[in-house]
Amino acid sequence: MEKLAARVRRYINEPTILAFGYRDDRRMVGVIIVSYDEDTCHAVIKDIAVRANLQKSGIGSTMIAYMMEELKPSIITVETDDDALGFYLKNGFAIVNQQQKFANITRYNCHYDVRS
C-alpha cells in the first residue's frame, strides 16, 4: 500500500484522476485510482490495490462496482499483467490485446463494455 500511496501523490494534481478507498473498521485497506473522461464516459483503471492479507476477499471487485456506480462509465479499460489478469477476467473484462513490454513480462490491455 505504501507504493500505491506514492503513486496517488503523483496523480494528485491531475484533474481527471479520481481515487476511491475501501475502509474496514479502523484503516484504509484498499484503493482504486481511475482516470475518467466525462465527455466520453471512459474510465481507465490506473491502479488498484488491496492489503495483501485481505486479497481474494472481494474488496477489489467491490471497489470496481462502486466506481461503476459512482461514475457510470460506458467503457472501462485497464492494462495489467499475468498476476492480476484472472481478477479482471472474473470481473467481466475481456482481453483486447497483449504485448511483450520487457523480456519475460506480458502486459494485457483489457476492457469492460458497460453497455453490453
PDB file of N, CA and C in Angstrom:
ATOM      1  N   MET A   1       0.823  -1.197   0.000  1.00  0.00           N
ATOM      2  CA  MET A   1       0.000   0.000   0.000  1.00  0.00           C
ATOM      3  C   MET A   1       0.866   1.259   0.000  1.00  0.00           C
ATOM      4  N   GLU A   2       2.067   1.184   0.528  1.00  0.00           N
ATOM      5  CA  GLU A   2       2.938   2.364   0.548  1.00  0.00           C
ATOM      6  C   GLU A   2       3.343   2.771  -0.859  1.00  0.00           C
ATOM      7  N   LYS A   3       3.637   1.780  -1.707  1.00  0.00           N
ATOM      8  CA  LYS A   3       3.978   2.099  -3.091  1.00  0.00           C
ATOM      9  C   LYS A   3       2.804   2.776  -3.776  1.00  0.00           C
ATOM     10  N   LEU A   4       1.609   2.285  -3.506  1.00  0.00           N
ATOM     11  CA  LEU A   4       0.432   2.884  -4.108  1.00  0.00           C
ATOM     12  C   LEU A   4       0.217   4.297  -3.579  1.00  0.00           C
ATOM     13  N   ALA A   5       0.453   4.527  -2.314  1.00  0.00           N
ATOM     14  CA  ALA A   5       0.318   5.874  -1.744  1.00  0.00           C
ATOM     15  C   ALA A   5       1.239   6.845  -2.471  1.00  0.00           C
ATOM     16  N   ALA A   6       2.436   6.405  -2.813  1.00  0.00           N
ATOM     17  CA  ALA A   6       3.361   7.261  -3.556  1.00  0.00           C
ATOM     18  C   ALA A   6       2.813   7.568  -4.946  1.00  0.00           C
ATOM     19  N   ARG A   7       2.194   6.591  -5.591  1.00  0.00           N
ATOM     20  CA  ARG A   7       1.603   6.830  -6.913  1.00  0.00           C
ATOM     21  C   ARG A   7       0.409   7.759  -6.805  1.00  0.00           C
ATOM     22  N   VAL A   8      -0.364   7.632  -5.736  1.00  0.00           N
ATOM     23  CA  VAL A   8      -1.505   8.535  -5.526  1.00  0.00           C
ATOM     24  C   VAL A   8      -1.003   9.970  -5.458  1.00  0.00           C
ATOM     25  N   ARG A   9       0.079  10.190  -4.734  1.00  0.00           N
ATOM     26  CA  ARG A   9       0.624  11.546  -4.632  1.00  0.00           C
ATOM     27  C   ARG A   9       1.052  12.063  -6.004  1.00  0.00           C
ATOM     28  N   ARG A  10       1.534  11.186  -6.877  1.00  0.00           N
ATOM     29  CA  ARG A  10       1.935  11.592  -8.223  1.00  0.00           C
ATOM     30  C   ARG A  10       0.721  12.066  -9.032  1.00  0.00           C
ATOM     31  N   TYR A  11      -0.423  11.450  -8.816  1.00  0.00           N
ATOM     32  CA  TYR A  11      -1.628  11.784  -9.572  1.00  0.00           C
ATOM     33  C   TYR A  11      -2.386  12.982  -9.004  1.00  0.00           C
ATOM     34  N   ILE A  12      -2.038  13.447  -7.850  1.00  0.00           N
ATOM     35  CA  ILE A  12      -2.888  14.355  -7.091  1.00  0.00           C
ATOM     36  C   ILE A  12      -3.274  15.632  -7.827  1.00  0.00           C
ATOM     37  N   ASN A  13      -2.443  16.123  -8.710  1.00  0.00           N
ATOM     38  CA  ASN A  13      -2.745  17.370  -9.417  1.00  0.00           C
ATOM     39  C   ASN A  13      -3.361  17.160 -10.799  1.00  0.00           C
ATOM     40  N   GLU A  14      -3.656  15.930 -11.157  1.00  0.00           N
ATOM     41  CA  GLU A  14      -4.275  15.665 -12.450  1.00  0.00           C
ATOM     42  C   GLU A  14      -5.790  15.733 -12.306  1.00  0.00           C
ATOM     43  N   PRO A  15      -6.440  16.638 -13.031  1.00  0.00           N
ATOM     44  CA  PRO A  15      -7.879  16.864 -12.826  1.00  0.00           C
ATOM     45  C   PRO A  15      -8.785  15.699 -13.200  1.00  0.00           C
ATOM     46  N   THR A  16      -8.320  14.781 -14.047  1.00  0.00           N
ATOM     47  CA  THR A  16      -9.182  13.668 -14.453  1.00  0.00           C
ATOM     48  C   THR A  16      -9.019  12.449 -13.563  1.00  0.00           C
ATOM     49  N   ILE A  17      -8.141  12.524 -12.574  1.00  0.00           N
ATOM     50  CA  ILE A  17      -7.865  11.377 -11.710  1.00  0.00           C
ATOM     51  C   ILE A  17      -8.776  11.400 -10.485  1.00  0.00           C
ATOM     52  N   LEU A  18      -9.374  10.252 -10.214  1.00  0.00           N
ATOM     53  CA  LEU A  18     -10.216  10.082  -9.032  1.00  0.00           C
ATOM     54  C   LEU A  18      -9.715   8.865  -8.265  1.00  0.00           C
ATOM     55  N   ALA A  19      -9.814   8.926  -6.957  1.00  0.00           N
ATOM     56  CA  ALA A  19      -9.416   7.795  -6.129  1.00  0.00           C
ATOM     57  C   ALA A  19     -10.571   7.436  -5.213  1.00  0.00           C
ATOM     58  N   PHE A  20     -10.816   6.143  -5.080  1.00  0.00           N
ATOM     59  CA  PHE A  20     -11.837   5.630  -4.175  1.00  0.00           C
ATOM     60  C   PHE A  20     -11.152   4.673  -3.220  1.00  0.00           C
ATOM     61  N   GLY A  21     -11.435   4.809  -1.955  1.00  0.00           N
ATOM     62  CA  GLY A  21     -10.821   3.949  -0.959  1.00  0.00           C
ATOM     63  C   GLY A  21     -11.832   3.012  -0.330  1.00  0.00           C
ATOM     64  N   TYR A  22     -11.322   1.961   0.268  1.00  0.00           N
ATOM     65  CA  TYR A  22     -12.144   0.984   0.977  1.00  0.00           C
ATOM     66  C   TYR A  22     -11.584   0.874   2.383  1.00  0.00           C
ATOM     67  N   ARG A  23     -12.433   1.128   3.345  1.00  0.00           N
ATOM     68  CA  ARG A  23     -12.014   1.092   4.744  1.00  0.00           C
ATOM     69  C   ARG A  23     -12.672  -0.064   5.474  1.00  0.00           C
ATOM     70  N   ASP A  24     -11.900  -0.677   6.378  1.00  0.00           N
ATOM     71  CA  ASP A  24     -12.530  -1.575   7.327  1.00  0.00           C
ATOM     72  C   ASP A  24     -12.841  -0.718   8.554  1.00  0.00           C
ATOM     73  N   ASP A  25     -13.036  -1.283   9.674  1.00  0.00           N
ATOM     74  CA  ASP A  25     -13.415  -0.506  10.858  1.00  0.00           C
ATOM     75  C   ASP A  25     -12.385   0.534  11.263  1.00  0.00           C
ATOM     76  N   ARG A  26     -11.122   0.275  10.999  1.00  0.00           N
ATOM     77  CA  ARG A  26     -10.084   1.140  11.544  1.00  0.00           C
ATOM     78  C   ARG A  26      -9.161   1.781  10.526  1.00  0.00           C
ATOM     79  N   ARG A  27      -9.036   1.224   9.326  1.00  0.00           N
ATOM     80  CA  ARG A  27      -7.993   1.711   8.420  1.00  0.00           C
ATOM     81  C   ARG A  27      -8.375   1.505   6.961  1.00  0.00           C
ATOM     82  N   MET A  28      -7.625   2.181   6.103  1.00  0.00           N
ATOM     83  CA  MET A  28      -7.781   2.015   4.665  1.00  0.00           C
ATOM     84  C   MET A  28      -7.151   0.683   4.275  1.00  0.00           C
ATOM     85  N   VAL A  29      -7.925  -0.162   3.605  1.00  0.00           N
ATOM     86  CA  VAL A  29      -7.406  -1.474   3.220  1.00  0.00           C
ATOM     87  C   VAL A  29      -7.375  -1.674   1.706  1.00  0.00           C
ATOM     88  N   GLY A  30      -7.956  -0.744   0.957  1.00  0.00           N
ATOM     89  CA  GLY A  30      -7.941  -0.850  -0.488  1.00  0.00           C
ATOM     90  C   GLY A  30      -8.126   0.502  -1.134  1.00  0.00           C
ATOM     91  N   VAL A  31      -7.634   0.623  -2.356  1.00  0.00           N
ATOM     92  CA  VAL A  31      -7.801   1.863  -3.105  1.00  0.00           C
ATOM     93  C   VAL A  31      -7.820   1.539  -4.597  1.00  0.00           C
ATOM     94  N   ILE A  32      -8.629   2.300  -5.326  1.00  0.00           N
ATOM     95  CA  ILE A  32      -8.649   2.212  -6.784  1.00  0.00           C
ATOM     96  C   ILE A  32      -8.479   3.629  -7.316  1.00  0.00           C
ATOM     97  N   ILE A  33      -7.583   3.784  -8.271  1.00  0.00           N
ATOM     98  CA  ILE A  33      -7.308   5.078  -8.881  1.00  0.00           C
ATOM     99  C   ILE A  33      -7.740   4.991 -10.334  1.00  0.00           C
ATOM    100  N   VAL A  34      -8.555   5.973 -10.742  1.00  0.00           N
ATOM    101  CA  VAL A  34      -9.177   5.936 -12.057  1.00  0.00           C
ATOM    102  C   VAL A  34      -8.993   7.276 -12.755  1.00  0.00           C
ATOM    103  N   SER A  35      -8.675   7.225 -14.033  1.00  0.00           N
ATOM    104  CA  SER A  35      -8.723   8.417 -14.873  1.00  0.00           C
ATOM    105  C   SER A  35     -10.073   8.368 -15.580  1.00  0.00           C
ATOM    106  N   TYR A  36     -10.828   9.463 -15.493  1.00  0.00           N
ATOM    107  CA  TYR A  36     -12.186   9.440 -16.051  1.00  0.00           C
ATOM    108  C   TYR A  36     -12.405  10.630 -16.966  1.00  0.00           C
ATOM    109  N   ASP A  37     -12.852  10.364 -18.175  1.00  0.00           N
ATOM    110  CA  ASP A  37     -13.188  11.396 -19.153  1.00  0.00           C
ATOM    111  C   ASP A  37     -14.708  11.519 -19.199  1.00  0.00           C
ATOM    112  N   GLU A  38     -15.216  12.608 -18.668  1.00  0.00           N
ATOM    113  CA  GLU A  38     -16.675  12.802 -18.618  1.00  0.00           C
ATOM    114  C   GLU A  38     -17.300  12.906 -19.999  1.00  0.00           C
ATOM    115  N   ASP A  39     -16.574  13.458 -20.973  1.00  0.00           N
ATOM    116  CA  ASP A  39     -17.127  13.623 -22.319  1.00  0.00           C
ATOM    117  C   ASP A  39     -17.388  12.283 -23.004  1.00  0.00           C
ATOM    118  N   THR A  40     -16.483  11.334 -22.816  1.00  0.00           N
ATOM    119  CA  THR A  40     -16.624  10.036 -23.483  1.00  0.00           C
ATOM    120  C   THR A  40     -17.133   8.947 -22.538  1.00  0.00           C
ATOM    121  N   CYS A  41     -17.240   9.265 -21.249  1.00  0.00           N
ATOM    122  CA  CYS A  41     -17.637   8.285 -20.226  1.00  0.00           C
ATOM    123  C   CYS A  41     -16.692   7.078 -20.215  1.00  0.00           C
ATOM    124  N   HIS A  42     -15.410   7.360 -20.421  1.00  0.00           N
ATOM    125  CA  HIS A  42     -14.380   6.327 -20.465  1.00  0.00           C
ATOM    126  C   HIS A  42     -13.564   6.391 -19.180  1.00  0.00           C
ATOM    127  N   ALA A  43     -13.503   5.279 -18.474  1.00  0.00           N
ATOM    128  CA  ALA A  43     -12.707   5.179 -17.257  1.00  0.00           C
ATOM    129  C   ALA A  43     -11.510   4.279 -17.525  1.00  0.00           C
ATOM    130  N   VAL A  44     -10.348   4.697 -17.040  1.00  0.00           N
ATOM    131  CA  VAL A  44      -9.134   3.896 -17.140  1.00  0.00           C
ATOM    132  C   VAL A  44      -8.665   3.618 -15.718  1.00  0.00           C
ATOM    133  N   ILE A  45      -8.612   2.344 -15.362  1.00  0.00           N
ATOM    134  CA  ILE A  45      -8.086   1.992 -14.048  1.00  0.00           C
ATOM    135  C   ILE A  45      -6.572   2.121 -14.112  1.00  0.00           C
ATOM    136  N   LYS A  46      -6.040   3.053 -13.338  1.00  0.00           N
ATOM    137  CA  LYS A  46      -4.604   3.290 -13.300  1.00  0.00           C
ATOM    138  C   LYS A  46      -3.921   2.372 -12.296  1.00  0.00           C
ATOM    139  N   ASP A  47      -4.563   2.190 -11.149  1.00  0.00           N
ATOM    140  CA  ASP A  47      -4.015   1.351 -10.090  1.00  0.00           C
ATOM    141  C   ASP A  47      -5.161   0.831  -9.237  1.00  0.00           C
ATOM    142  N   ILE A  48      -4.965  -0.351  -8.710  1.00  0.00           N
ATOM    143  CA  ILE A  48      -5.891  -0.903  -7.735  1.00  0.00           C
ATOM    144  C   ILE A  48      -5.059  -1.757  -6.776  1.00  0.00           C
ATOM    145  N   ALA A  49      -5.324  -1.623  -5.503  1.00  0.00           N
ATOM    146  CA  ALA A  49      -4.558  -2.394  -4.525  1.00  0.00           C
ATOM    147  C   ALA A  49      -5.420  -2.695  -3.316  1.00  0.00           C
ATOM    148  N   VAL A  50      -5.183  -3.868  -2.760  1.00  0.00           N
ATOM    149  CA  VAL A  50      -5.833  -4.317  -1.526  1.00  0.00           C
ATOM    150  C   VAL A  50      -4.722  -4.880  -0.653  1.00  0.00           C
ATOM    151  N   ARG A  51      -4.796  -4.597   0.645  1.00  0.00           N
ATOM    152  CA  ARG A  51      -3.782  -5.146   1.565  1.00  0.00           C
ATOM    153  C   ARG A  51      -3.645  -6.644   1.314  1.00  0.00           C
ATOM    154  N   ALA A  52      -2.409  -7.110   1.333  1.00  0.00           N
ATOM    155  CA  ALA A  52      -2.103  -8.496   0.953  1.00  0.00           C
ATOM    156  C   ALA A  52      -2.925  -9.516   1.734  1.00  0.00           C
ATOM    157  N   ASN A  53      -3.101  -9.304   3.026  1.00  0.00           N
ATOM    158  CA  ASN A  53      -3.823 -10.287   3.836  1.00  0.00           C
ATOM    159  C   ASN A  53      -5.330 -10.284   3.574  1.00  0.00           C
ATOM    160  N   LEU A  54      -5.820  -9.312   2.813  1.00  0.00           N
ATOM    161  CA  LEU A  54      -7.251  -9.238   2.514  1.00  0.00           C
ATOM    162  C   LEU A  54      -7.561  -9.482   1.039  1.00  0.00           C
ATOM    163  N   GLN A  55      -6.533  -9.777   0.251  1.00  0.00           N
ATOM    164  CA  GLN A  55      -6.777 -10.065  -1.160  1.00  0.00           C
ATOM    165  C   GLN A  55      -7.599 -11.341  -1.297  1.00  0.00           C
ATOM    166  N   LYS A  56      -8.352 -11.418  -2.366  1.00  0.00           N
ATOM    167  CA  LYS A  56      -9.246 -12.548  -2.667  1.00  0.00           C
ATOM    168  C   LYS A  56     -10.429 -12.604  -1.704  1.00  0.00           C
ATOM    169  N   SER A  57     -10.760 -11.450  -1.117  1.00  0.00           N
ATOM    170  CA  SER A  57     -11.919 -11.390  -0.217  1.00  0.00           C
ATOM    171  C   SER A  57     -13.064 -10.574  -0.814  1.00  0.00           C
ATOM    172  N   GLY A  58     -12.917 -10.124  -2.060  1.00  0.00           N
ATOM    173  CA  GLY A  58     -13.977  -9.384  -2.726  1.00  0.00           C
ATOM    174  C   GLY A  58     -13.839  -7.880  -2.663  1.00  0.00           C
ATOM    175  N   ILE A  59     -12.827  -7.363  -1.977  1.00  0.00           N
ATOM    176  CA  ILE A  59     -12.674  -5.915  -1.845  1.00  0.00           C
ATOM    177  C   ILE A  59     -12.388  -5.262  -3.195  1.00  0.00           C
ATOM    178  N   GLY A  60     -11.508  -5.839  -3.993  1.00  0.00           N
ATOM    179  CA  GLY A  60     -11.202  -5.278  -5.311  1.00  0.00           C
ATOM    180  C   GLY A  60     -12.435  -5.229  -6.194  1.00  0.00           C
ATOM    181  N   SER A  61     -13.203  -6.300  -6.213  1.00  0.00           N
ATOM    182  CA  SER A  61     -14.441  -6.339  -7.007  1.00  0.00           C
ATOM    183  C   SER A  61     -15.445  -5.317  -6.489  1.00  0.00           C
ATOM    184  N   THR A  62     -15.517  -5.163  -5.178  1.00  0.00           N
ATOM    185  CA  THR A  62     -16.424  -4.175  -4.590  1.00  0.00           C
ATOM    186  C   THR A  62     -16.022  -2.769  -5.004  1.00  0.00           C
ATOM    187  N   MET A  63     -14.724  -2.487  -5.031  1.00  0.00           N
ATOM    188  CA  MET A  63     -14.271  -1.153  -5.426  1.00  0.00           C
ATOM    189  C   MET A  63     -14.586  -0.873  -6.894  1.00  0.00           C
ATOM    190  N   ILE A  64     -14.433  -1.872  -7.755  1.00  0.00           N
ATOM    191  CA  ILE A  64     -14.789  -1.677  -9.168  1.00  0.00           C
ATOM    192  C   ILE A  64     -16.287  -1.409  -9.292  1.00  0.00           C
ATOM    193  N   ALA A  65     -17.100  -2.180  -8.591  1.00  0.00           N
ATOM    194  CA  ALA A  65     -18.552  -1.982  -8.641  1.00  0.00           C
ATOM    195  C   ALA A  65     -18.937  -0.590  -8.125  1.00  0.00           C
ATOM    196  N   TYR A  66     -18.292  -0.150  -7.060  1.00  0.00           N
ATOM    197  CA  TYR A  66     -18.575   1.172  -6.506  1.00  0.00           C
ATOM    198  C   TYR A  66     -18.184   2.272  -7.497  1.00  0.00           C
ATOM    199  N   MET A  67     -17.008   2.138  -8.105  1.00  0.00           N
ATOM    200  CA  MET A  67     -16.570   3.104  -9.102  1.00  0.00           C
ATOM    201  C   MET A  67     -17.552   3.156 -10.264  1.00  0.00           C
ATOM    202  N   MET A  68     -18.041   2.001 -10.686  1.00  0.00           N
ATOM    203  CA  MET A  68     -19.009   1.965 -11.778  1.00  0.00           C
ATOM    204  C   MET A  68     -20.312   2.660 -11.382  1.00  0.00           C
ATOM    205  N   GLU A  69     -20.753   2.457 -10.160  1.00  0.00           N
ATOM    206  CA  GLU A  69     -21.983   3.099  -9.677  1.00  0.00           C
ATOM    207  C   GLU A  69     -21.822   4.617  -9.590  1.00  0.00           C
ATOM    208  N   GLU A  70     -20.676   5.059  -9.124  1.00  0.00           N
ATOM    209  CA  GLU A  70     -20.432   6.498  -8.957  1.00  0.00           C
ATOM    210  C   GLU A  70     -20.233   7.221 -10.282  1.00  0.00           C
ATOM    211  N   LEU A  71     -19.448   6.639 -11.188  1.00  0.00           N
ATOM    212  CA  LEU A  71     -19.082   7.324 -12.425  1.00  0.00           C
ATOM    213  C   LEU A  71     -19.995   6.999 -13.600  1.00  0.00           C
ATOM    214  N   LYS A  72     -20.599   5.838 -13.582  1.00  0.00           N
ATOM    215  CA  LYS A  72     -21.449   5.378 -14.681  1.00  0.00           C
ATOM    216  C   LYS A  72     -20.712   5.422 -16.032  1.00  0.00           C
ATOM    217  N   PRO A  73     -19.518   4.816 -16.087  1.00  0.00           N
ATOM    218  CA  PRO A  73     -18.782   4.829 -17.359  1.00  0.00           C
ATOM    219  C   PRO A  73     -19.436   3.919 -18.387  1.00  0.00           C
ATOM    220  N   SER A  74     -19.169   4.208 -19.662  1.00  0.00           N
ATOM    221  CA  SER A  74     -19.619   3.332 -20.741  1.00  0.00           C
ATOM    222  C   SER A  74     -18.605   2.225 -20.986  1.00  0.00           C
ATOM    223  N   ILE A  75     -17.338   2.597 -20.871  1.00  0.00           N
ATOM    224  CA  ILE A  75     -16.252   1.651 -21.095  1.00  0.00           C
ATOM    225  C   ILE A  75     -15.208   1.849 -20.005  1.00  0.00           C
ATOM    226  N   ILE A  76     -14.646   0.735 -19.537  1.00  0.00           N
ATOM    227  CA  ILE A  76     -13.549   0.771 -18.575  1.00  0.00           C
ATOM    228  C   ILE A  76     -12.397   0.004 -19.196  1.00  0.00           C
ATOM    229  N   THR A  77     -11.212   0.576 -19.161  1.00  0.00           N
ATOM    230  CA  THR A  77     -10.037  -0.123 -19.664  1.00  0.00           C
ATOM    231  C   THR A  77      -8.974  -0.211 -18.573  1.00  0.00           C
ATOM    232  N   VAL A  78      -8.107  -1.187 -18.735  1.00  0.00           N
ATOM    233  CA  VAL A  78      -7.006  -1.376 -17.788  1.00  0.00           C
ATOM    234  C   VAL A  78      -5.882  -2.108 -18.511  1.00  0.00           C
ATOM    235  N   GLU A  79      -4.660  -1.774 -18.145  1.00  0.00           N
ATOM    236  CA  GLU A  79      -3.507  -2.553 -18.590  1.00  0.00           C
ATOM    237  C   GLU A  79      -3.021  -3.332 -17.383  1.00  0.00           C
ATOM    238  N   THR A  80      -2.837  -4.628 -17.556  1.00  0.00           N
ATOM    239  CA  THR A  80      -2.473  -5.468 -16.414  1.00  0.00           C
ATOM    240  C   THR A  80      -1.439  -6.513 -16.825  1.00  0.00           C
ATOM    241  N   ASP A  81      -1.073  -7.340 -15.868  1.00  0.00           N
ATOM    242  CA  ASP A  81      -0.082  -8.387 -16.110  1.00  0.00           C
ATOM    243  C   ASP A  81      -0.668  -9.741 -15.729  1.00  0.00           C
ATOM    244  N   ASP A  82       0.162 -10.767 -15.811  1.00  0.00           N
ATOM    245  CA  ASP A  82      -0.302 -12.121 -15.502  1.00  0.00           C
ATOM    246  C   ASP A  82      -0.861 -12.242 -14.083  1.00  0.00           C
ATOM    247  N   ASP A  83      -0.254 -11.531 -13.139  1.00  0.00           N
ATOM    248  CA  ASP A  83      -0.679 -11.640 -11.736  1.00  0.00           C
ATOM    249  C   ASP A  83      -2.126 -11.223 -11.517  1.00  0.00           C
ATOM    250  N   ALA A  84      -2.590 -10.203 -12.237  1.00  0.00           N
ATOM    251  CA  ALA A  84      -3.939  -9.678 -11.997  1.00  0.00           C
ATOM    252  C   ALA A  84      -4.924 -10.000 -13.118  1.00  0.00           C
ATOM    253  N   LEU A  85      -4.465 -10.645 -14.168  1.00  0.00           N
ATOM    254  CA  LEU A  85      -5.351 -10.904 -15.304  1.00  0.00           C
ATOM    255  C   LEU A  85      -6.598 -11.689 -14.895  1.00  0.00           C
ATOM    256  N   GLY A  86      -6.438 -12.726 -14.098  1.00  0.00           N
ATOM    257  CA  GLY A  86      -7.582 -13.530 -13.665  1.00  0.00           C
ATOM    258  C   GLY A  86      -8.611 -12.706 -12.907  1.00  0.00           C
ATOM    259  N   PHE A  87      -8.154 -11.767 -12.094  1.00  0.00           N
ATOM    260  CA  PHE A  87      -9.056 -10.884 -11.358  1.00  0.00           C
ATOM    261  C   PHE A  87      -9.940 -10.091 -12.325  1.00  0.00           C
ATOM    262  N   TYR A  88      -9.325  -9.499 -13.345  1.00  0.00           N
ATOM    263  CA  TYR A  88     -10.108  -8.697 -14.288  1.00  0.00           C
ATOM    264  C   TYR A  88     -11.041  -9.562 -15.126  1.00  0.00           C
ATOM    265  N   LEU A  89     -10.583 -10.728 -15.559  1.00  0.00           N
ATOM    266  CA  LEU A  89     -11.456 -11.622 -16.319  1.00  0.00           C
ATOM    267  C   LEU A  89     -12.655 -12.045 -15.469  1.00  0.00           C
ATOM    268  N   LYS A  90     -12.422 -12.333 -14.194  1.00  0.00           N
ATOM    269  CA  LYS A  90     -13.502 -12.707 -13.273  1.00  0.00           C
ATOM    270  C   LYS A  90     -14.523 -11.574 -13.119  1.00  0.00           C
ATOM    271  N   ASN A  91     -14.059 -10.340 -13.282  1.00  0.00           N
ATOM    272  CA  ASN A  91     -14.931  -9.186 -13.131  1.00  0.00           C
ATOM    273  C   ASN A  91     -15.532  -8.705 -14.449  1.00  0.00           C
ATOM    274  N   GLY A  92     -15.473  -9.541 -15.483  1.00  0.00           N
ATOM    275  CA  GLY A  92     -16.168  -9.235 -16.727  1.00  0.00           C
ATOM    276  C   GLY A  92     -15.359  -8.523 -17.788  1.00  0.00           C
ATOM    277  N   PHE A  93     -14.081  -8.294 -17.550  1.00  0.00           N
ATOM    278  CA  PHE A  93     -13.235  -7.646 -18.550  1.00  0.00           C
ATOM    279  C   PHE A  93     -12.850  -8.668 -19.612  1.00  0.00           C
ATOM    280  N   ALA A  94     -12.557  -8.176 -20.804  1.00  0.00           N
ATOM    281  CA  ALA A  94     -12.097  -9.028 -21.905  1.00  0.00           C
ATOM    282  C   ALA A  94     -10.733  -8.538 -22.356  1.00  0.00           C
ATOM    283  N   ILE A  95      -9.881  -9.465 -22.783  1.00  0.00           N
ATOM    284  CA  ILE A  95      -8.567  -9.095 -23.300  1.00  0.00           C
ATOM    285  C   ILE A  95      -8.741  -8.531 -24.702  1.00  0.00           C
ATOM    286  N   VAL A  96      -8.226  -7.319 -24.907  1.00  0.00           N
ATOM    287  CA  VAL A  96      -8.263  -6.697 -26.233  1.00  0.00           C
ATOM    288  C   VAL A  96      -7.002  -7.060 -27.000  1.00  0.00           C
ATOM    289  N   ASN A  97      -5.862  -6.958 -26.333  1.00  0.00           N
ATOM    290  CA  ASN A  97      -4.601  -7.389 -26.930  1.00  0.00           C
ATOM    291  C   ASN A  97      -3.566  -7.596 -25.841  1.00  0.00           C
ATOM    292  N   GLN A  98      -2.472  -8.183 -26.228  1.00  0.00           N
ATOM    293  CA  GLN A  98      -1.375  -8.388 -25.287  1.00  0.00           C
ATOM    294  C   GLN A  98      -0.078  -8.030 -25.981  1.00  0.00           C
ATOM    295  N   GLN A  99       0.905  -7.664 -25.167  1.00  0.00           N
ATOM    296  CA  GLN A  99       2.185  -7.264 -25.729  1.00  0.00           C
ATOM    297  C   GLN A  99       3.315  -7.617 -24.775  1.00  0.00           C
ATOM    298  N   GLN A 100       4.473  -7.867 -25.332  1.00  0.00           N
ATOM    299  CA  GLN A 100       5.677  -8.087 -24.538  1.00  0.00           C
ATOM    300  C   GLN A 100       6.294  -6.717 -24.321  1.00  0.00           C
ATOM    301  N   LYS A 101       6.284  -6.252 -23.071  1.00  0.00           N
ATOM    302  CA  LYS A 101       6.915  -4.961 -22.791  1.00  0.00           C
ATOM    303  C   LYS A 101       8.371  -5.131 -22.403  1.00  0.00           C
ATOM    304  N   PHE A 102       8.656  -6.195 -21.701  1.00  0.00           N
ATOM    305  CA  PHE A 102      10.012  -6.480 -21.260  1.00  0.00           C
ATOM    306  C   PHE A 102      10.282  -7.936 -21.597  1.00  0.00           C
ATOM    307  N   ALA A 103      11.487  -8.384 -21.342  1.00  0.00           N
ATOM    308  CA  ALA A 103      11.903  -9.727 -21.755  1.00  0.00           C
ATOM    309  C   ALA A 103      10.905 -10.820 -21.398  1.00  0.00           C
ATOM    310  N   ASN A 104      10.493 -10.913 -20.139  1.00  0.00           N
ATOM    311  CA  ASN A 104       9.612 -12.003 -19.720  1.00  0.00           C
ATOM    312  C   ASN A 104       8.300 -11.507 -19.137  1.00  0.00           C
ATOM    313  N   ILE A 105       7.889 -10.306 -19.485  1.00  0.00           N
ATOM    314  CA  ILE A 105       6.669  -9.746 -18.912  1.00  0.00           C
ATOM    315  C   ILE A 105       5.667  -9.438 -20.014  1.00  0.00           C
ATOM    316  N   THR A 106       4.527 -10.077 -19.919  1.00  0.00           N
ATOM    317  CA  THR A 106       3.437  -9.831 -20.857  1.00  0.00           C
ATOM    318  C   THR A 106       2.459  -8.870 -20.206  1.00  0.00           C
ATOM    319  N   ARG A 107       2.046  -7.865 -20.934  1.00  0.00           N
ATOM    320  CA  ARG A 107       1.038  -6.910 -20.469  1.00  0.00           C
ATOM    321  C   ARG A 107      -0.218  -7.126 -21.308  1.00  0.00           C
ATOM    322  N   TYR A 108      -1.368  -7.020 -20.657  1.00  0.00           N
ATOM    323  CA  TYR A 108      -2.650  -7.239 -21.310  1.00  0.00           C
ATOM    324  C   TYR A 108      -3.468  -5.957 -21.255  1.00  0.00           C
ATOM    325  N   ASN A 109      -4.002  -5.562 -22.392  1.00  0.00           N
ATOM    326  CA  ASN A 109      -4.958  -4.458 -22.423  1.00  0.00           C
ATOM    327  C   ASN A 109      -6.338  -5.093 -22.390  1.00  0.00           C
ATOM    328  N   CYS A 110      -7.102  -4.725 -21.368  1.00  0.00           N
ATOM    329  CA  CYS A 110      -8.424  -5.300 -21.176  1.00  0.00           C
ATOM    330  C   CYS A 110      -9.467  -4.204 -21.157  1.00  0.00           C
ATOM    331  N   HIS A 111     -10.685  -4.563 -21.529  1.00  0.00           N
ATOM    332  CA  HIS A 111     -11.766  -3.581 -21.430  1.00  0.00           C
ATOM    333  C   HIS A 111     -13.045  -4.247 -20.962  1.00  0.00           C
ATOM    334  N   TYR A 112     -13.882  -3.422 -20.425  1.00  0.00           N
ATOM    335  CA  TYR A 112     -15.218  -3.835 -19.957  1.00  0.00           C
ATOM    336  C   TYR A 112     -16.193  -2.861 -20.589  1.00  0.00           C
ATOM    337  N   ASP A 113     -17.037  -3.354 -21.465  1.00  0.00           N
ATOM    338  CA  ASP A 113     -18.046  -2.506 -22.107  1.00  0.00           C
ATOM    339  C   ASP A 113     -19.307  -2.570 -21.261  1.00  0.00           C
ATOM    340  N   VAL A 114     -19.536  -1.526 -20.494  1.00  0.00           N
ATOM    341  CA  VAL A 114     -20.655  -1.489 -19.558  1.00  0.00           C
ATOM    342  C   VAL A 114     -21.988  -1.524 -20.289  1.00  0.00           C
ATOM    343  N   ARG A 115     -22.004  -1.050 -21.536  1.00  0.00           N
ATOM    344  CA  ARG A 115     -23.247  -1.001 -22.316  1.00  0.00           C
ATOM    345  C   ARG A 115     -23.725  -2.375 -22.737  1.00  0.00           C
ATOM    346  N   SER A 116     -22.849  -3.375 -22.715  1.00  0.00           N
ATOM    347  CA  SER A 116     -23.222  -4.733 -23.157  1.00  0.00           C
ATOM    348  C   SER A 116     -24.060  -5.442 -22.118  1.00  0.00           C
TER     349      SER A 116
END
